[in-house]
Amino acid sequence: MRIPKHVGIIPDGNRRWAQNKGMGKDKGYENGLDPGIESYRQLRDLGVEEVTFYGFTTDNTRRPSYQTESFTKACVEAANRLLDEGASLLVIGNADSKMFPKELLPYTKRTKEKPGQIKANLLVNYGWYWDLNTLANAKGVNKNNIHNNIQSNDVSRLDLIIRWGGRRRLSGFLPVQSIYADFYVVEDYWPDFNKKHINEALTWYDKQDITLGG
């Protein structure tokens, strides 16, 4: 089977999952932590070299404070779990904003992985317009060096993006790196993560014709 080098994870459906369980919307985020580390381990063991998780966006910060506090806490815990696992962690997002958790500031520079581990990127207080705004004042930018001039320049091109929760949109997920990525949708909500989801996504990916526009 052809294994993608870089997989993006959009862990959607946390709030809908919580509501279906009779819980408050904020309870869905903490139930997305175990799926995060399970998916990291599974992709690592399958031979994937880099994984990017969508934490929360600058648009998400408009939600009620009880929700923003919950998903911010979940992102800090997710980062700690990935560090404990030994991943080469990089947290990407607008760190100048008060919505960026100060606990994650040390990880805006990539950490070194432990033996046998891989790169893990976590998008926290991320916005596509924040990512690309450096292009406005950059000189000599062309299609060959756009990637070098954006905020997320240490994140490689995505091969496959998997979104849980049934919705079919990228929601601003790394627009430069995702330009040629294949996009697979899982109908189940993220807290209902099952290893079969990734196995099915990779089986589907293996059947795609990869041309990169050529």
C-alpha atoms as a PDB file:
ATOM      1  CA  MET A   1       0.000   0.000   0.000  1.00  0.00           C
ATOM      2  CA  ARG A   2       1.189   3.508  -0.854  1.00  0.00           C
ATOM      3  CA  ILE A   3       1.519   5.415   2.435  1.00  0.00           C
ATOM      4  CA  PRO A   4       1.218   9.224   2.501  1.00  0.00           C
ATOM      5  CA  LYS A   5       4.165  11.074   3.991  1.00  0.00           C
ATOM      6  CA  HIS A   6       2.041  13.774   5.620  1.00  0.00           C
ATOM      7  CA  VAL A   7      -1.513  13.367   6.892  1.00  0.00           C
ATOM      8  CA  GLY A   8      -3.768  16.164   8.129  1.00  0.00           C
ATOM      9  CA  ILE A   9      -6.424  15.497  10.770  1.00  0.00           C
ATOM     10  CA  ILE A  10      -9.555  17.659  11.095  1.00  0.00           C
ATOM     11  CA  PRO A  11     -11.203  16.336  14.274  1.00  0.00           C
ATOM     12  CA  ASP A  12     -14.733  17.633  13.814  1.00  0.00           C
ATOM     13  CA  GLY A  13     -17.983  16.668  15.531  1.00  0.00           C
ATOM     14  CA  ASN A  14     -16.951  17.086  19.167  1.00  0.00           C
ATOM     15  CA  ARG A  15     -19.870  19.358  20.069  1.00  0.00           C
ATOM     16  CA  ARG A  16     -22.463  17.315  18.178  1.00  0.00           C
ATOM     17  CA  TRP A  17     -21.152  14.156  19.839  1.00  0.00           C
ATOM     18  CA  ALA A  18     -21.510  15.721  23.292  1.00  0.00           C
ATOM     19  CA  GLN A  19     -25.028  16.947  22.607  1.00  0.00           C
ATOM     20  CA  ASN A  20     -26.078  13.492  21.417  1.00  0.00           C
ATOM     21  CA  LYS A  21     -24.788  12.123  24.716  1.00  0.00           C
ATOM     22  CA  GLY A  22     -26.811  14.666  26.704  1.00  0.00           C
ATOM     23  CA  MET A  23     -23.702  16.636  27.680  1.00  0.00           C
ATOM     24  CA  GLY A  24     -22.774  20.285  27.300  1.00  0.00           C
ATOM     25  CA  LYS A  25     -21.027  21.167  24.046  1.00  0.00           C
ATOM     26  CA  ASP A  26     -17.784  21.873  25.892  1.00  0.00           C
ATOM     27  CA  LYS A  27     -17.517  18.251  27.051  1.00  0.00           C
ATOM     28  CA  GLY A  28     -16.830  17.043  23.532  1.00  0.00           C
ATOM     29  CA  TYR A  29     -13.321  18.469  23.407  1.00  0.00           C
ATOM     30  CA  GLU A  30     -11.875  16.479  26.295  1.00  0.00           C
ATOM     31  CA  ASN A  31     -13.285  13.332  24.720  1.00  0.00           C
ATOM     32  CA  GLY A  32     -11.227  14.062  21.617  1.00  0.00           C
ATOM     33  CA  LEU A  33      -7.894  13.688  23.423  1.00  0.00           C
ATOM     34  CA  ASP A  34      -7.594   9.909  23.374  1.00  0.00           C
ATOM     35  CA  PRO A  35      -8.439   9.744  19.636  1.00  0.00           C
ATOM     36  CA  GLY A  36      -5.636  12.234  19.002  1.00  0.00           C
ATOM     37  CA  ILE A  37      -2.895  10.140  20.554  1.00  0.00           C
ATOM     38  CA  GLU A  38      -4.374   6.917  19.132  1.00  0.00           C
ATOM     39  CA  SER A  39      -4.365   8.336  15.609  1.00  0.00           C
ATOM     40  CA  TYR A  40      -0.819   9.643  16.017  1.00  0.00           C
ATOM     41  CA  ARG A  41       0.394   6.192  17.083  1.00  0.00           C
ATOM     42  CA  GLN A  42      -1.463   4.433  14.305  1.00  0.00           C
ATOM     43  CA  LEU A  43      -0.164   6.733  11.571  1.00  0.00           C
ATOM     44  CA  ARG A  44       3.367   6.572  12.975  1.00  0.00           C
ATOM     45  CA  ASP A  45       3.300   2.787  13.024  1.00  0.00           C
ATOM     46  CA  LEU A  46       2.009   2.698   9.446  1.00  0.00           C
ATOM     47  CA  GLY A  47       5.006   4.699   8.232  1.00  0.00           C
ATOM     48  CA  VAL A  48       3.597   8.230   7.986  1.00  0.00           C
ATOM     49  CA  GLU A  49       6.339  10.807   8.605  1.00  0.00           C
ATOM     50  CA  GLU A  50       4.314  13.859   9.653  1.00  0.00           C
ATOM     51  CA  VAL A  51       0.841  14.479  11.105  1.00  0.00           C
ATOM     52  CA  THR A  52      -0.943  17.806  11.506  1.00  0.00           C
ATOM     53  CA  PHE A  53      -3.896  18.187  13.865  1.00  0.00           C
ATOM     54  CA  TYR A  54      -6.393  21.042  13.628  1.00  0.00           C
ATOM     55  CA  GLY A  55      -6.735  22.350  17.192  1.00  0.00           C
ATOM     56  CA  PHE A  56      -8.752  25.574  16.996  1.00  0.00           C
ATOM     57  CA  THR A  57      -8.931  28.533  14.648  1.00  0.00           C
ATOM     58  CA  THR A  58      -9.040  32.250  15.212  1.00  0.00           C
ATOM     59  CA  ASP A  59     -12.673  32.068  14.039  1.00  0.00           C
ATOM     60  CA  ASN A  60     -13.458  29.476  16.725  1.00  0.00           C
ATOM     61  CA  THR A  61     -12.517  31.997  19.409  1.00  0.00           C
ATOM     62  CA  ARG A  62     -15.836  33.771  18.773  1.00  0.00           C
ATOM     63  CA  ARG A  63     -17.640  30.903  20.484  1.00  0.00           C
ATOM     64  CA  PRO A  64     -18.920  31.270  24.084  1.00  0.00           C
ATOM     65  CA  SER A  65     -16.168  31.481  26.681  1.00  0.00           C
ATOM     66  CA  TYR A  66     -17.037  28.153  28.318  1.00  0.00           C
ATOM     67  CA  GLN A  67     -16.311  26.491  24.963  1.00  0.00           C
ATOM     68  CA  THR A  68     -13.129  28.422  24.192  1.00  0.00           C
ATOM     69  CA  GLU A  69     -11.765  27.617  27.630  1.00  0.00           C
ATOM     70  CA  SER A  70     -12.531  23.936  27.089  1.00  0.00           C
ATOM     71  CA  PHE A  71     -10.929  23.573  23.660  1.00  0.00           C
ATOM     72  CA  THR A  72      -7.919  25.641  24.710  1.00  0.00           C
ATOM     73  CA  LYS A  73      -7.384  23.354  27.700  1.00  0.00           C
ATOM     74  CA  ALA A  74      -7.761  20.339  25.412  1.00  0.00           C
ATOM     75  CA  CYS A  75      -5.092  21.682  23.027  1.00  0.00           C
ATOM     76  CA  VAL A  76      -2.625  22.179  25.879  1.00  0.00           C
ATOM     77  CA  GLU A  77      -3.279  18.624  27.065  1.00  0.00           C
ATOM     78  CA  ALA A  78      -2.944  17.293  23.503  1.00  0.00           C
ATOM     79  CA  ALA A  79       0.441  18.988  23.155  1.00  0.00           C
ATOM     80  CA  ASN A  80       1.607  17.499  26.455  1.00  0.00           C
ATOM     81  CA  ARG A  81       0.510  14.022  25.411  1.00  0.00           C
ATOM     82  CA  LEU A  82       2.344  14.302  22.097  1.00  0.00           C
ATOM     83  CA  LEU A  83       5.454  15.477  23.937  1.00  0.00           C
ATOM     84  CA  ASP A  84       5.186  12.552  26.349  1.00  0.00           C
ATOM     85  CA  GLU A  85       4.939  10.261  23.352  1.00  0.00           C
ATOM     86  CA  GLY A  86       8.181  11.729  22.036  1.00  0.00           C
ATOM     87  CA  ALA A  87       6.849  13.446  18.922  1.00  0.00           C
ATOM     88  CA  SER A  88       8.727  16.274  17.238  1.00  0.00           C
ATOM     89  CA  LEU A  89       6.122  18.873  18.176  1.00  0.00           C
ATOM     90  CA  LEU A  90       5.462  22.197  16.492  1.00  0.00           C
ATOM     91  CA  VAL A  91       2.564  24.433  17.552  1.00  0.00           C
ATOM     92  CA  ILE A  92       1.466  26.857  14.839  1.00  0.00           C
ATOM     93  CA  GLY A  93      -0.833  29.835  15.284  1.00  0.00           C
ATOM     94  CA  ASN A  94      -1.038  33.502  16.173  1.00  0.00           C
ATOM     95  CA  ALA A  95       1.024  33.522  19.356  1.00  0.00           C
ATOM     96  CA  ASP A  96       0.738  37.326  19.646  1.00  0.00           C
ATOM     97  CA  SER A  97      -2.952  37.020  20.468  1.00  0.00           C
ATOM     98  CA  LYS A  98      -4.279  36.681  24.013  1.00  0.00           C
ATOM     99  CA  MET A  99      -6.218  33.645  22.782  1.00  0.00           C
ATOM    100  CA  PHE A 100      -3.000  31.694  22.283  1.00  0.00           C
ATOM    101  CA  PRO A 101      -2.274  29.617  25.424  1.00  0.00           C
ATOM    102  CA  LYS A 102       0.974  30.765  27.004  1.00  0.00           C
ATOM    103  CA  GLU A 103       1.765  27.178  28.019  1.00  0.00           C
ATOM    104  CA  LEU A 104       2.379  26.388  24.357  1.00  0.00           C
ATOM    105  CA  LEU A 105       4.741  29.277  23.582  1.00  0.00           C
ATOM    106  CA  PRO A 106       7.882  27.113  24.034  1.00  0.00           C
ATOM    107  CA  TYR A 107       6.641  24.821  21.273  1.00  0.00           C
ATOM    108  CA  THR A 108       6.297  27.437  18.556  1.00  0.00           C
ATOM    109  CA  LYS A 109       9.808  26.174  17.735  1.00  0.00           C
ATOM    110  CA  ARG A 110       9.908  22.499  16.818  1.00  0.00           C
ATOM    111  CA  THR A 111      11.070  20.062  19.473  1.00  0.00           C
ATOM    112  CA  LYS A 112      13.342  17.128  18.696  1.00  0.00           C
ATOM    113  CA  GLU A 113      11.693  13.747  18.385  1.00  0.00           C
ATOM    114  CA  LYS A 114      12.649  10.690  20.401  1.00  0.00           C
ATOM    115  CA  PRO A 115      13.846   7.592  18.511  1.00  0.00           C
ATOM    116  CA  GLY A 116      11.084   5.993  16.482  1.00  0.00           C
ATOM    117  CA  GLN A 117       8.785   9.025  16.663  1.00  0.00           C
ATOM    118  CA  ILE A 118       7.638  11.439  13.940  1.00  0.00           C
ATOM    119  CA  LYS A 119       6.686  15.083  13.404  1.00  0.00           C
ATOM    120  CA  ALA A 120       3.413  16.252  14.931  1.00  0.00           C
ATOM    121  CA  ASN A 121       2.051  19.717  14.183  1.00  0.00           C
ATOM    122  CA  LEU A 122      -0.781  21.271  16.199  1.00  0.00           C
ATOM    123  CA  LEU A 123      -2.677  24.262  14.822  1.00  0.00           C
ATOM    124  CA  VAL A 124      -3.692  26.480  17.746  1.00  0.00           C
ATOM    125  CA  ASN A 125      -5.373  29.864  17.267  1.00  0.00           C
ATOM    126  CA  TYR A 126      -4.609  29.333  13.597  1.00  0.00           C
ATOM    127  CA  GLY A 127      -6.079  31.372  10.746  1.00  0.00           C
ATOM    128  CA  TRP A 128      -5.335  31.011   7.049  1.00  0.00           C
ATOM    129  CA  TYR A 129      -5.157  34.808   6.696  1.00  0.00           C
ATOM    130  CA  TRP A 130      -2.683  34.993   9.596  1.00  0.00           C
ATOM    131  CA  ASP A 131      -0.622  32.292   7.917  1.00  0.00           C
ATOM    132  CA  LEU A 132      -0.511  34.092   4.577  1.00  0.00           C
ATOM    133  CA  ASN A 133      -0.287  37.726   5.697  1.00  0.00           C
ATOM    134  CA  THR A 134       3.500  37.736   5.447  1.00  0.00           C
ATOM    135  CA  LEU A 135       3.107  37.437   1.670  1.00  0.00           C
ATOM    136  CA  ALA A 136       1.729  40.964   1.472  1.00  0.00           C
ATOM    137  CA  ASN A 137       5.131  42.540   2.224  1.00  0.00           C
ATOM    138  CA  ALA A 138       7.377  39.813   0.847  1.00  0.00           C
ATOM    139  CA  LYS A 139       9.426  40.666  -2.214  1.00  0.00           C
ATOM    140  CA  GLY A 140      10.133  38.388  -5.142  1.00  0.00           C
ATOM    141  CA  VAL A 141       7.431  35.880  -4.234  1.00  0.00           C
ATOM    142  CA  ASN A 142       6.469  33.415  -6.951  1.00  0.00           C
ATOM    143  CA  LYS A 143       4.862  29.985  -7.151  1.00  0.00           C
ATOM    144  CA  ASN A 144       8.195  28.349  -6.389  1.00  0.00           C
ATOM    145  CA  ASN A 145       8.849  30.102  -3.078  1.00  0.00           C
ATOM    146  CA  ILE A 146       5.412  30.928  -1.630  1.00  0.00           C
ATOM    147  CA  HIS A 147       5.830  28.131   0.904  1.00  0.00           C
ATOM    148  CA  ASN A 148       9.057  29.678   2.204  1.00  0.00           C
ATOM    149  CA  ASN A 149       7.338  32.999   2.892  1.00  0.00           C
ATOM    150  CA  ILE A 150       4.355  31.940   4.981  1.00  0.00           C
ATOM    151  CA  GLN A 151       4.102  31.541   8.753  1.00  0.00           C
ATOM    152  CA  SER A 152       3.741  27.752   8.563  1.00  0.00           C
ATOM    153  CA  ASN A 153       6.828  27.273   6.395  1.00  0.00           C
ATOM    154  CA  ASP A 154       8.138  24.448   8.616  1.00  0.00           C
ATOM    155  CA  VAL A 155       5.125  22.288   7.690  1.00  0.00           C
ATOM    156  CA  SER A 156       5.494  20.154   4.575  1.00  0.00           C
ATOM    157  CA  ARG A 157       3.032  19.614   1.729  1.00  0.00           C
ATOM    158  CA  LEU A 158       0.051  17.490   2.722  1.00  0.00           C
ATOM    159  CA  ASP A 159      -0.688  14.267   0.893  1.00  0.00           C
ATOM    160  CA  LEU A 160      -3.951  13.292   2.608  1.00  0.00           C
ATOM    161  CA  ILE A 161      -6.423  15.160   4.809  1.00  0.00           C
ATOM    162  CA  ILE A 162      -8.983  13.205   6.839  1.00  0.00           C
ATOM    163  CA  ARG A 163     -11.986  15.010   8.309  1.00  0.00           C
ATOM    164  CA  TRP A 164     -14.284  13.442  10.876  1.00  0.00           C
ATOM    165  CA  GLY A 165     -17.876  14.541  11.460  1.00  0.00           C
ATOM    166  CA  GLY A 166     -19.248  14.241   7.937  1.00  0.00           C
ATOM    167  CA  ARG A 167     -18.692  17.806   6.735  1.00  0.00           C
ATOM    168  CA  ARG A 168     -16.996  18.316   3.406  1.00  0.00           C
ATOM    169  CA  ARG A 169     -14.960  21.469   3.768  1.00  0.00           C
ATOM    170  CA  LEU A 170     -11.357  22.324   4.609  1.00  0.00           C
ATOM    171  CA  SER A 171     -12.245  25.210   6.949  1.00  0.00           C
ATOM    172  CA  GLY A 172      -9.028  27.099   6.109  1.00  0.00           C
ATOM    173  CA  PHE A 173      -6.757  24.165   6.888  1.00  0.00           C
ATOM    174  CA  LEU A 174      -3.197  25.031   5.738  1.00  0.00           C
ATOM    175  CA  PRO A 175      -4.209  26.377   2.298  1.00  0.00           C
ATOM    176  CA  VAL A 176      -0.728  26.308   0.772  1.00  0.00           C
ATOM    177  CA  GLN A 177       0.226  22.835   1.964  1.00  0.00           C
ATOM    178  CA  SER A 178      -3.173  21.323   1.139  1.00  0.00           C
ATOM    179  CA  ILE A 179      -3.344  22.528  -2.454  1.00  0.00           C
ATOM    180  CA  TYR A 180      -2.834  19.027  -3.934  1.00  0.00           C
ATOM    181  CA  ALA A 181      -3.943  16.946  -0.951  1.00  0.00           C
ATOM    182  CA  ASP A 182      -6.537  14.196  -1.290  1.00  0.00           C
ATOM    183  CA  PHE A 183      -9.526  14.757   1.009  1.00  0.00           C
ATOM    184  CA  TYR A 184     -11.308  11.920   2.805  1.00  0.00           C
ATOM    185  CA  VAL A 185     -14.404  12.339   4.969  1.00  0.00           C
ATOM    186  CA  VAL A 186     -15.361  10.113   7.894  1.00  0.00           C
ATOM    187  CA  GLU A 187     -19.051  10.308   8.812  1.00  0.00           C
ATOM    188  CA  ASP A 188     -18.491   9.402  12.481  1.00  0.00           C
ATOM    189  CA  TYR A 189     -17.749  12.126  15.012  1.00  0.00           C
ATOM    190  CA  TRP A 190     -14.166  12.519  16.195  1.00  0.00           C
ATOM    191  CA  PRO A 191     -14.731  11.195  19.753  1.00  0.00           C
ATOM    192  CA  ASP A 192     -15.995   7.959  18.133  1.00  0.00           C
ATOM    193  CA  PHE A 193     -12.598   7.477  16.462  1.00  0.00           C
ATOM    194  CA  ASN A 194     -11.809   3.917  15.427  1.00  0.00           C
ATOM    195  CA  LYS A 195      -8.642   2.594  13.822  1.00  0.00           C
ATOM    196  CA  LYS A 196     -10.724   1.391  10.899  1.00  0.00           C
ATOM    197  CA  HIS A 197     -11.310   5.030   9.943  1.00  0.00           C
ATOM    198  CA  ILE A 198      -7.632   5.533   9.133  1.00  0.00           C
ATOM    199  CA  ASN A 199      -7.290   2.103   7.553  1.00  0.00           C
ATOM    200  CA  GLU A 200     -10.218   2.854   5.246  1.00  0.00           C
ATOM    201  CA  ALA A 201      -8.844   6.319   4.438  1.00  0.00           C
ATOM    202  CA  LEU A 202      -5.445   4.897   3.495  1.00  0.00           C
ATOM    203  CA  THR A 203      -7.029   2.138   1.403  1.00  0.00           C
ATOM    204  CA  TRP A 204      -8.980   4.829  -0.453  1.00  0.00           C
ATOM    205  CA  TYR A 205      -5.864   6.997  -0.814  1.00  0.00           C
ATOM    206  CA  ASP A 206      -3.922   4.104  -2.282  1.00  0.00           C
ATOM    207  CA  LYS A 207      -6.407   3.953  -5.164  1.00  0.00           C
ATOM    208  CA  GLN A 208      -6.180   7.621  -6.096  1.00  0.00           C
ATOM    209  CA  ASP A 209      -4.343   8.807  -9.179  1.00  0.00           C
ATOM    210  CA  ILE A 210      -1.672  11.236  -7.925  1.00  0.00           C
ATOM    211  CA  THR A 211      -0.662  13.670 -10.666  1.00  0.00           C
ATOM    212  CA  LEU A 212      -0.118  16.960  -8.750  1.00  0.00           C
ATOM    213  CA  GLY A 213      -1.893  18.672 -11.614  1.00  0.00           C
ATOM    214  CA  GLY A 214       0.328  17.183 -14.333  1.00  0.00           C
END
